[in-house]
Amino acid sequence: MDLLLHPTYFPNIITYATIVQHNVIWEVCDNYQKQTYRNRAYICTDQGRFMLNIPIKHVGGLQGRQKYKDVRLENDYKWQRQHWRTLQTAYRTSPFFEYYEDDLEPLFMRKYDYLLDFNLKTIEIIADCLQFNLNAGYSKVYELQPQQVRDARYLVDAKKSVGIKQKLYMQVFKERHGFIENCSVLDLLFNEGTASIDYLMTQNLDFLNA
């Protein structure tokens, strides 16, 4: 059965493992909510776990809500330049940063208007780096309790954790901070390179059956 997922900003490892192991339907008809991975990603820096946060324009409707697909990026603030510089600083000594640098840098140089479009592009670029054929569909309407797909939309909640047994891999600052679980897939890519797809394909996702 297909999985229903929210497109997020450079998805974390568990979410991207879910993407590569299942057929995916993107939820694009929901309302935007705060405190989610829609506009944040976590990486490893010399200071430990660090959040990259995308600023958005909060323009609610009559009820103070807006659709995810209508959320605009706050581009008056040069967040793309800041995020790219942070990634360079954090991962320039990782084994594979230079290998993927030219693939990723254009994403931070081009202006995007909508958060959803930008997030879908980050997912697409990672798939290209992994040489993975991403073939996802899109929701047509919002369903609180979808019947034809398995609902994994809860993975978007940054305040909740799932029961995972994540395999260890080498991280740049592992000796300083220990292994930091479920970072952005970027962390895996920069540290494991071409082995990342095998890691994601074999990651235990038993929590989906709980």
C-alpha atoms as a PDB file:
ATOM      1  CA  MET A   1       0.000   0.000   0.000  1.00  0.00           C
ATOM      2  CA  ASP A   2       1.210   3.521  -0.811  1.00  0.00           C
ATOM      3  CA  LEU A   3       2.340   5.789   2.009  1.00  0.00           C
ATOM      4  CA  LEU A   4       0.974   9.306   2.520  1.00  0.00           C
ATOM      5  CA  LEU A   5       3.763  11.703   3.512  1.00  0.00           C
ATOM      6  CA  HIS A   6       4.374  15.427   3.865  1.00  0.00           C
ATOM      7  CA  PRO A   7       7.188  16.852   1.698  1.00  0.00           C
ATOM      8  CA  THR A   8       9.741  18.316   4.113  1.00  0.00           C
ATOM      9  CA  TYR A   9      12.946  20.325   3.950  1.00  0.00           C
ATOM     10  CA  PHE A  10      15.783  17.895   3.162  1.00  0.00           C
ATOM     11  CA  PRO A  11      13.894  15.095   4.977  1.00  0.00           C
ATOM     12  CA  ASN A  12      15.433  13.363   7.953  1.00  0.00           C
ATOM     13  CA  ILE A  13      16.928   9.921   7.491  1.00  0.00           C
ATOM     14  CA  ILE A  14      13.886   7.995   8.711  1.00  0.00           C
ATOM     15  CA  THR A  15      11.572   9.889   6.380  1.00  0.00           C
ATOM     16  CA  TYR A  16      13.891   9.464   3.406  1.00  0.00           C
ATOM     17  CA  ALA A  17      14.291   5.757   4.160  1.00  0.00           C
ATOM     18  CA  THR A  18      10.497   5.585   4.080  1.00  0.00           C
ATOM     19  CA  ILE A  19      10.534   7.317   0.697  1.00  0.00           C
ATOM     20  CA  VAL A  20      13.009   4.909  -0.901  1.00  0.00           C
ATOM     21  CA  GLN A  21      11.364   1.779   0.540  1.00  0.00           C
ATOM     22  CA  HIS A  22       7.746   2.581  -0.401  1.00  0.00           C
ATOM     23  CA  ASN A  23       5.577   4.120  -3.055  1.00  0.00           C
ATOM     24  CA  VAL A  24       4.755   7.614  -1.860  1.00  0.00           C
ATOM     25  CA  ILE A  25       1.812   9.978  -2.183  1.00  0.00           C
ATOM     26  CA  TRP A  26       2.660  13.559  -1.218  1.00  0.00           C
ATOM     27  CA  GLU A  27       0.148  15.335   0.993  1.00  0.00           C
ATOM     28  CA  VAL A  28      -0.294  18.716  -0.716  1.00  0.00           C
ATOM     29  CA  CYS A  29      -3.835  19.603   0.365  1.00  0.00           C
ATOM     30  CA  ASP A  30      -3.319  20.115   4.079  1.00  0.00           C
ATOM     31  CA  ASN A  31      -3.127  23.256   6.197  1.00  0.00           C
ATOM     32  CA  TYR A  32       0.280  24.527   7.206  1.00  0.00           C
ATOM     33  CA  GLN A  33       1.280  23.859  10.815  1.00  0.00           C
ATOM     34  CA  LYS A  34       4.152  25.189  12.900  1.00  0.00           C
ATOM     35  CA  GLN A  35       6.740  23.099  14.751  1.00  0.00           C
ATOM     36  CA  THR A  36       7.167  20.629  11.904  1.00  0.00           C
ATOM     37  CA  TYR A  37       9.838  19.519   9.484  1.00  0.00           C
ATOM     38  CA  ARG A  38       8.079  21.423   6.712  1.00  0.00           C
ATOM     39  CA  ASN A  39      10.464  24.330   7.235  1.00  0.00           C
ATOM     40  CA  ARG A  40      13.259  22.891   9.336  1.00  0.00           C
ATOM     41  CA  ALA A  41      16.041  20.342   9.088  1.00  0.00           C
ATOM     42  CA  TYR A  42      18.635  19.197  11.592  1.00  0.00           C
ATOM     43  CA  ILE A  43      22.295  18.720  10.789  1.00  0.00           C
ATOM     44  CA  CYS A  44      25.458  17.965  12.772  1.00  0.00           C
ATOM     45  CA  THR A  45      27.920  20.787  13.436  1.00  0.00           C
ATOM     46  CA  ASP A  46      30.876  21.257  15.755  1.00  0.00           C
ATOM     47  CA  GLN A  47      28.311  22.461  18.311  1.00  0.00           C
ATOM     48  CA  GLY A  48      26.209  19.295  17.983  1.00  0.00           C
ATOM     49  CA  ARG A  49      22.671  19.023  16.626  1.00  0.00           C
ATOM     50  CA  PHE A  50      21.776  22.234  14.775  1.00  0.00           C
ATOM     51  CA  MET A  51      18.519  23.398  13.204  1.00  0.00           C
ATOM     52  CA  LEU A  52      18.275  25.002   9.785  1.00  0.00           C
ATOM     53  CA  ASN A  53      15.019  26.964   9.791  1.00  0.00           C
ATOM     54  CA  ILE A  54      13.328  28.425   6.693  1.00  0.00           C
ATOM     55  CA  PRO A  55      11.519  31.720   7.375  1.00  0.00           C
ATOM     56  CA  ILE A  56       8.034  31.954   5.905  1.00  0.00           C
ATOM     57  CA  LYS A  57       5.433  34.643   5.424  1.00  0.00           C
ATOM     58  CA  HIS A  58       2.523  34.069   7.798  1.00  0.00           C
ATOM     59  CA  VAL A  59      -0.516  35.219   5.849  1.00  0.00           C
ATOM     60  CA  GLY A  60      -3.529  33.409   7.259  1.00  0.00           C
ATOM     61  CA  GLY A  61      -7.041  33.394   5.884  1.00  0.00           C
ATOM     62  CA  LEU A  62     -10.212  34.343   7.702  1.00  0.00           C
ATOM     63  CA  GLN A  63      -9.548  31.637  10.276  1.00  0.00           C
ATOM     64  CA  GLY A  64      -5.846  32.357  10.599  1.00  0.00           C
ATOM     65  CA  ARG A  65      -4.863  29.359   8.466  1.00  0.00           C
ATOM     66  CA  GLN A  66      -3.296  28.839   5.097  1.00  0.00           C
ATOM     67  CA  LYS A  67      -2.752  25.857   2.878  1.00  0.00           C
ATOM     68  CA  TYR A  68       0.735  24.354   2.858  1.00  0.00           C
ATOM     69  CA  LYS A  69       0.896  24.834  -0.911  1.00  0.00           C
ATOM     70  CA  ASP A  70       0.162  28.562  -0.461  1.00  0.00           C
ATOM     71  CA  VAL A  71       2.915  29.254   2.086  1.00  0.00           C
ATOM     72  CA  ARG A  72       5.416  31.766   0.705  1.00  0.00           C
ATOM     73  CA  LEU A  73       9.084  31.972   1.596  1.00  0.00           C
ATOM     74  CA  GLU A  74      10.380  35.072   3.369  1.00  0.00           C
ATOM     75  CA  ASN A  75      13.086  35.925   0.861  1.00  0.00           C
ATOM     76  CA  ASP A  76      13.812  39.394   2.214  1.00  0.00           C
ATOM     77  CA  TYR A  77      15.973  37.523   4.689  1.00  0.00           C
ATOM     78  CA  LYS A  78      18.953  35.850   2.965  1.00  0.00           C
ATOM     79  CA  TRP A  79      18.283  32.482   4.534  1.00  0.00           C
ATOM     80  CA  GLN A  80      19.460  30.454   1.537  1.00  0.00           C
ATOM     81  CA  ARG A  81      22.914  31.998   1.677  1.00  0.00           C
ATOM     82  CA  GLN A  82      23.061  31.422   5.437  1.00  0.00           C
ATOM     83  CA  HIS A  83      21.979  27.784   5.135  1.00  0.00           C
ATOM     84  CA  TRP A  84      24.513  27.056   2.423  1.00  0.00           C
ATOM     85  CA  ARG A  85      27.345  28.655   4.394  1.00  0.00           C
ATOM     86  CA  THR A  86      26.339  26.655   7.460  1.00  0.00           C
ATOM     87  CA  LEU A  87      26.419  23.438   5.446  1.00  0.00           C
ATOM     88  CA  GLN A  88      29.827  24.327   4.032  1.00  0.00           C
ATOM     89  CA  THR A  89      31.220  25.004   7.492  1.00  0.00           C
ATOM     90  CA  ALA A  90      29.706  21.868   9.023  1.00  0.00           C
ATOM     91  CA  TYR A  91      30.587  19.397   6.281  1.00  0.00           C
ATOM     92  CA  ARG A  92      33.577  20.682   4.359  1.00  0.00           C
ATOM     93  CA  THR A  93      35.744  18.037   6.064  1.00  0.00           C
ATOM     94  CA  SER A  94      33.264  15.205   5.438  1.00  0.00           C
ATOM     95  CA  PRO A  95      34.274  12.556   2.887  1.00  0.00           C
ATOM     96  CA  PHE A  96      31.691  13.407   0.230  1.00  0.00           C
ATOM     97  CA  PHE A  97      30.762  17.084   0.580  1.00  0.00           C
ATOM     98  CA  GLU A  98      32.868  18.140  -2.413  1.00  0.00           C
ATOM     99  CA  TYR A  99      31.464  15.250  -4.434  1.00  0.00           C
ATOM    100  CA  TYR A 100      27.889  16.580  -4.141  1.00  0.00           C
ATOM    101  CA  GLU A 101      28.600  20.286  -3.728  1.00  0.00           C
ATOM    102  CA  ASP A 102      27.928  21.216  -7.352  1.00  0.00           C
ATOM    103  CA  ASP A 103      24.605  19.336  -7.325  1.00  0.00           C
ATOM    104  CA  LEU A 104      23.331  21.082  -4.214  1.00  0.00           C
ATOM    105  CA  GLU A 105      24.674  24.629  -4.471  1.00  0.00           C
ATOM    106  CA  PRO A 106      22.247  25.787  -7.237  1.00  0.00           C
ATOM    107  CA  LEU A 107      19.331  25.081  -4.891  1.00  0.00           C
ATOM    108  CA  PHE A 108      20.600  27.834  -2.610  1.00  0.00           C
ATOM    109  CA  MET A 109      21.309  30.284  -5.427  1.00  0.00           C
ATOM    110  CA  ARG A 110      17.922  30.264  -7.179  1.00  0.00           C
ATOM    111  CA  LYS A 111      14.982  32.136  -5.685  1.00  0.00           C
ATOM    112  CA  TYR A 112      11.869  30.116  -4.863  1.00  0.00           C
ATOM    113  CA  ASP A 113       8.521  31.631  -3.939  1.00  0.00           C
ATOM    114  CA  TYR A 114       6.722  28.727  -2.256  1.00  0.00           C
ATOM    115  CA  LEU A 115       7.864  26.442   0.555  1.00  0.00           C
ATOM    116  CA  LEU A 116       6.214  23.349  -0.914  1.00  0.00           C
ATOM    117  CA  ASP A 117       7.940  23.789  -4.281  1.00  0.00           C
ATOM    118  CA  PHE A 118      11.280  24.290  -2.588  1.00  0.00           C
ATOM    119  CA  ASN A 119      10.883  21.209  -0.385  1.00  0.00           C
ATOM    120  CA  LEU A 120       9.903  19.023  -3.324  1.00  0.00           C
ATOM    121  CA  LYS A 121      13.025  20.219  -5.122  1.00  0.00           C
ATOM    122  CA  THR A 122      15.275  19.288  -2.180  1.00  0.00           C
ATOM    123  CA  ILE A 123      13.795  15.786  -2.193  1.00  0.00           C
ATOM    124  CA  GLU A 124      14.275  15.511  -5.962  1.00  0.00           C
ATOM    125  CA  ILE A 125      17.904  16.625  -5.802  1.00  0.00           C
ATOM    126  CA  ILE A 126      18.723  14.097  -3.095  1.00  0.00           C
ATOM    127  CA  ALA A 127      17.112  11.373  -5.209  1.00  0.00           C
ATOM    128  CA  ASP A 128      19.335  12.407  -8.119  1.00  0.00           C
ATOM    129  CA  CYS A 129      22.408  12.291  -5.879  1.00  0.00           C
ATOM    130  CA  LEU A 130      21.397   8.820  -4.709  1.00  0.00           C
ATOM    131  CA  GLN A 131      20.648   7.759  -8.302  1.00  0.00           C
ATOM    132  CA  PHE A 132      17.216   6.760  -7.060  1.00  0.00           C
ATOM    133  CA  ASN A 133      14.164   6.880  -9.326  1.00  0.00           C
ATOM    134  CA  LEU A 134      11.679   8.980  -7.367  1.00  0.00           C
ATOM    135  CA  ASN A 135       8.170   8.403  -8.647  1.00  0.00           C
ATOM    136  CA  ALA A 136       5.620   9.938  -6.279  1.00  0.00           C
ATOM    137  CA  GLY A 137       1.991  10.932  -6.631  1.00  0.00           C
ATOM    138  CA  TYR A 138       0.039  13.803  -5.068  1.00  0.00           C
ATOM    139  CA  SER A 139      -3.072  13.947  -2.919  1.00  0.00           C
ATOM    140  CA  LYS A 140      -6.203  15.347  -4.566  1.00  0.00           C
ATOM    141  CA  VAL A 141      -8.134  16.272  -1.420  1.00  0.00           C
ATOM    142  CA  TYR A 142      -7.395  16.381   2.279  1.00  0.00           C
ATOM    143  CA  GLU A 143      -8.619  13.351   4.216  1.00  0.00           C
ATOM    144  CA  LEU A 144      -8.412  13.218   7.984  1.00  0.00           C
ATOM    145  CA  GLN A 145      -8.484   9.430   7.890  1.00  0.00           C
ATOM    146  CA  PRO A 146      -7.387   8.276   4.435  1.00  0.00           C
ATOM    147  CA  GLN A 147      -8.633   4.854   3.383  1.00  0.00           C
ATOM    148  CA  GLN A 148      -6.647   3.967   0.276  1.00  0.00           C
ATOM    149  CA  VAL A 149      -3.150   4.772   1.590  1.00  0.00           C
ATOM    150  CA  ARG A 150      -1.205   4.176   4.783  1.00  0.00           C
ATOM    151  CA  ASP A 151      -1.021   7.407   6.761  1.00  0.00           C
ATOM    152  CA  ALA A 152       2.562   8.324   7.691  1.00  0.00           C
ATOM    153  CA  ARG A 153       1.963  12.067   7.882  1.00  0.00           C
ATOM    154  CA  TYR A 154       2.867  12.040  11.576  1.00  0.00           C
ATOM    155  CA  LEU A 155       6.529  11.882  10.555  1.00  0.00           C
ATOM    156  CA  VAL A 156       6.334  15.618   9.821  1.00  0.00           C
ATOM    157  CA  ASP A 157       5.951  16.455  13.523  1.00  0.00           C
ATOM    158  CA  ALA A 158       9.311  17.719  14.814  1.00  0.00           C
ATOM    159  CA  LYS A 159       8.182  17.357  18.432  1.00  0.00           C
ATOM    160  CA  LYS A 160       7.445  13.639  18.183  1.00  0.00           C
ATOM    161  CA  SER A 161       9.897  10.777  17.901  1.00  0.00           C
ATOM    162  CA  VAL A 162       9.323   7.313  16.515  1.00  0.00           C
ATOM    163  CA  GLY A 163      10.741   4.093  17.838  1.00  0.00           C
ATOM    164  CA  ILE A 164      13.711   3.516  15.569  1.00  0.00           C
ATOM    165  CA  LYS A 165      16.816   1.387  15.705  1.00  0.00           C
ATOM    166  CA  GLN A 166      18.999   3.439  13.429  1.00  0.00           C
ATOM    167  CA  LYS A 167      22.169   1.891  12.143  1.00  0.00           C
ATOM    168  CA  LEU A 168      25.305   3.802  13.067  1.00  0.00           C
ATOM    169  CA  TYR A 169      27.464   5.484  10.464  1.00  0.00           C
ATOM    170  CA  MET A 170      30.477   7.755  10.727  1.00  0.00           C
ATOM    171  CA  GLN A 171      29.657  11.420  11.434  1.00  0.00           C
ATOM    172  CA  VAL A 172      32.147  14.271  11.223  1.00  0.00           C
ATOM    173  CA  PHE A 173      31.876  15.232  14.891  1.00  0.00           C
ATOM    174  CA  LYS A 174      31.012  11.794  16.280  1.00  0.00           C
ATOM    175  CA  GLU A 175      34.021  11.714  18.604  1.00  0.00           C
ATOM    176  CA  ARG A 176      32.951  15.035  20.118  1.00  0.00           C
ATOM    177  CA  HIS A 177      29.187  14.571  20.412  1.00  0.00           C
ATOM    178  CA  GLY A 178      28.552  10.871  19.913  1.00  0.00           C
ATOM    179  CA  PHE A 179      26.198   9.577  17.247  1.00  0.00           C
ATOM    180  CA  ILE A 180      23.293  11.973  16.580  1.00  0.00           C
ATOM    181  CA  GLU A 181      20.232  10.111  15.329  1.00  0.00           C
ATOM    182  CA  ASN A 182      17.851  10.982  12.538  1.00  0.00           C
ATOM    183  CA  CYS A 183      19.508  14.081  11.141  1.00  0.00           C
ATOM    184  CA  SER A 184      18.725  15.384   7.690  1.00  0.00           C
ATOM    185  CA  VAL A 185      19.532  12.970   4.895  1.00  0.00           C
ATOM    186  CA  LEU A 186      22.234  15.493   3.970  1.00  0.00           C
ATOM    187  CA  ASP A 187      24.258  14.294   6.950  1.00  0.00           C
ATOM    188  CA  LEU A 188      24.140  10.726   5.662  1.00  0.00           C
ATOM    189  CA  LEU A 189      24.929  11.781   2.104  1.00  0.00           C
ATOM    190  CA  PHE A 190      27.985  13.858   3.018  1.00  0.00           C
ATOM    191  CA  ASN A 191      29.382  11.129   5.265  1.00  0.00           C
ATOM    192  CA  GLU A 192      28.472   7.949   3.382  1.00  0.00           C
ATOM    193  CA  GLY A 193      28.245   9.107  -0.224  1.00  0.00           C
ATOM    194  CA  THR A 194      27.309   6.385  -2.693  1.00  0.00           C
ATOM    195  CA  ALA A 195      26.666   3.930   0.146  1.00  0.00           C
ATOM    196  CA  SER A 196      23.760   6.080   1.349  1.00  0.00           C
ATOM    197  CA  ILE A 197      21.144   4.416  -0.845  1.00  0.00           C
ATOM    198  CA  ASP A 198      21.971   0.955   0.521  1.00  0.00           C
ATOM    199  CA  TYR A 199      21.805   2.350   4.051  1.00  0.00           C
ATOM    200  CA  LEU A 200      18.354   3.823   3.416  1.00  0.00           C
ATOM    201  CA  MET A 201      17.050   0.733   1.659  1.00  0.00           C
ATOM    202  CA  THR A 202      18.004  -1.498   4.607  1.00  0.00           C
ATOM    203  CA  GLN A 203      17.013   0.848   7.452  1.00  0.00           C
ATOM    204  CA  ASN A 204      14.576  -0.835   9.832  1.00  0.00           C
ATOM    205  CA  LEU A 205      11.121   0.741   9.553  1.00  0.00           C
ATOM    206  CA  ASP A 206       9.144  -1.622  11.763  1.00  0.00           C
ATOM    207  CA  PHE A 207       7.543   1.359  13.490  1.00  0.00           C
ATOM    208  CA  LEU A 208       5.338   1.805  10.419  1.00  0.00           C
ATOM    209  CA  ASN A 209       3.626  -1.476  11.280  1.00  0.00           C
ATOM    210  CA  ALA A 210       3.085  -0.651  14.944  1.00  0.00           C
END
